[in-house]
Amino acid sequence: MPSEGYHVVRQHIRRNPKSRGKKLGGWTIAGIAAFVWLWGQIFGFGDAEADKPATPAPSASVSASSPR
């Protein structure tokens, strides 16, 4: 007779199936990550650069500002 948590199937001792809750598997997590990445590539995540001016501010170089 097998111990507790085991049963006999065709003269083999097998472990009883566990009642697992809904867990996210590795492929599910990888699929969600790929979906988020693809969504960002196609649609973007918003206008994060809308607040920046269209033209950059002019900068003075050291050689131009020093007299010779």
Protein backbone atom coordinates (compact mmCIF):
# COMPACT_ATOMS: atom_id res chain seq x y z
CA MET A 1 0.00 0.00 0.00
CA PRO A 2 1.49 3.40 -0.97
CA SER A 3 1.98 6.09 1.62
CA GLU A 4 -0.22 9.14 1.96
CA GLY A 5 -0.07 11.42 -1.07
CA TYR A 6 0.57 8.54 -3.50
CA HIS A 7 -1.60 6.06 -5.40
CA VAL A 8 -1.02 2.96 -7.57
CA VAL A 9 -1.58 3.08 -11.33
CA ARG A 10 -0.80 -0.09 -13.36
CA GLN A 11 1.59 -1.33 -10.70
CA HIS A 12 3.43 1.99 -10.50
CA ILE A 13 3.35 4.30 -7.55
CA ARG A 14 2.44 7.81 -8.58
CA ARG A 15 2.11 11.05 -6.68
CA ASN A 16 -1.40 12.43 -6.25
CA PRO A 17 -2.13 15.48 -8.39
CA LYS A 18 -1.84 18.76 -6.52
CA SER A 19 -4.62 21.28 -6.57
CA ARG A 20 -2.74 24.28 -7.90
CA GLY A 21 -4.24 27.70 -8.07
CA LYS A 22 -4.11 29.80 -11.19
CA LYS A 23 -0.43 30.66 -11.61
CA LEU A 24 1.19 32.60 -14.39
CA GLY A 25 3.61 30.35 -16.21
CA GLY A 26 6.89 31.43 -17.75
CA TRP A 27 5.47 31.52 -21.27
CA THR A 28 2.54 33.65 -20.11
CA ILE A 29 4.86 36.21 -18.52
CA ALA A 30 7.09 36.21 -21.62
CA GLY A 31 4.02 36.72 -23.81
CA ILE A 32 2.82 39.66 -21.73
CA ALA A 33 6.28 41.24 -21.82
CA ALA A 34 6.44 40.78 -25.61
CA PHE A 35 2.97 42.31 -25.98
CA VAL A 36 3.93 45.38 -23.95
CA TRP A 37 7.16 45.81 -25.91
CA LEU A 38 5.35 45.42 -29.25
CA TRP A 39 2.64 47.85 -28.16
CA GLY A 40 5.35 50.42 -27.37
CA GLN A 41 6.99 49.88 -30.75
CA ILE A 42 3.76 50.29 -32.72
CA PHE A 43 1.65 52.78 -30.77
CA GLY A 44 4.08 54.30 -28.27
CA PHE A 45 3.36 55.05 -24.65
CA GLY A 46 2.26 58.67 -25.05
CA ASP A 47 3.73 62.01 -25.96
CA ALA A 48 6.56 62.13 -23.45
CA GLU A 49 8.59 64.49 -25.65
CA ALA A 50 5.74 66.94 -26.38
CA ASP A 51 6.93 69.35 -23.66
CA LYS A 52 10.40 69.77 -25.19
CA PRO A 53 10.97 72.65 -27.64
CA ALA A 54 11.33 71.79 -31.33
CA THR A 55 14.64 73.63 -31.74
CA PRO A 56 17.51 73.16 -29.30
CA ALA A 57 18.88 76.17 -27.49
CA PRO A 58 22.13 77.50 -28.99
CA SER A 59 25.24 76.74 -27.04
CA ALA A 60 28.45 78.74 -26.98
CA SER A 61 31.69 76.91 -27.48
CA VAL A 62 34.83 77.74 -25.53
CA SER A 63 36.93 78.60 -28.58
CA ALA A 64 34.34 81.04 -29.96
CA SER A 65 33.93 82.94 -26.70
CA SER A 66 37.62 83.45 -25.89
CA PRO A 67 39.35 86.32 -27.71
CA ARG A 68 42.77 85.80 -29.34
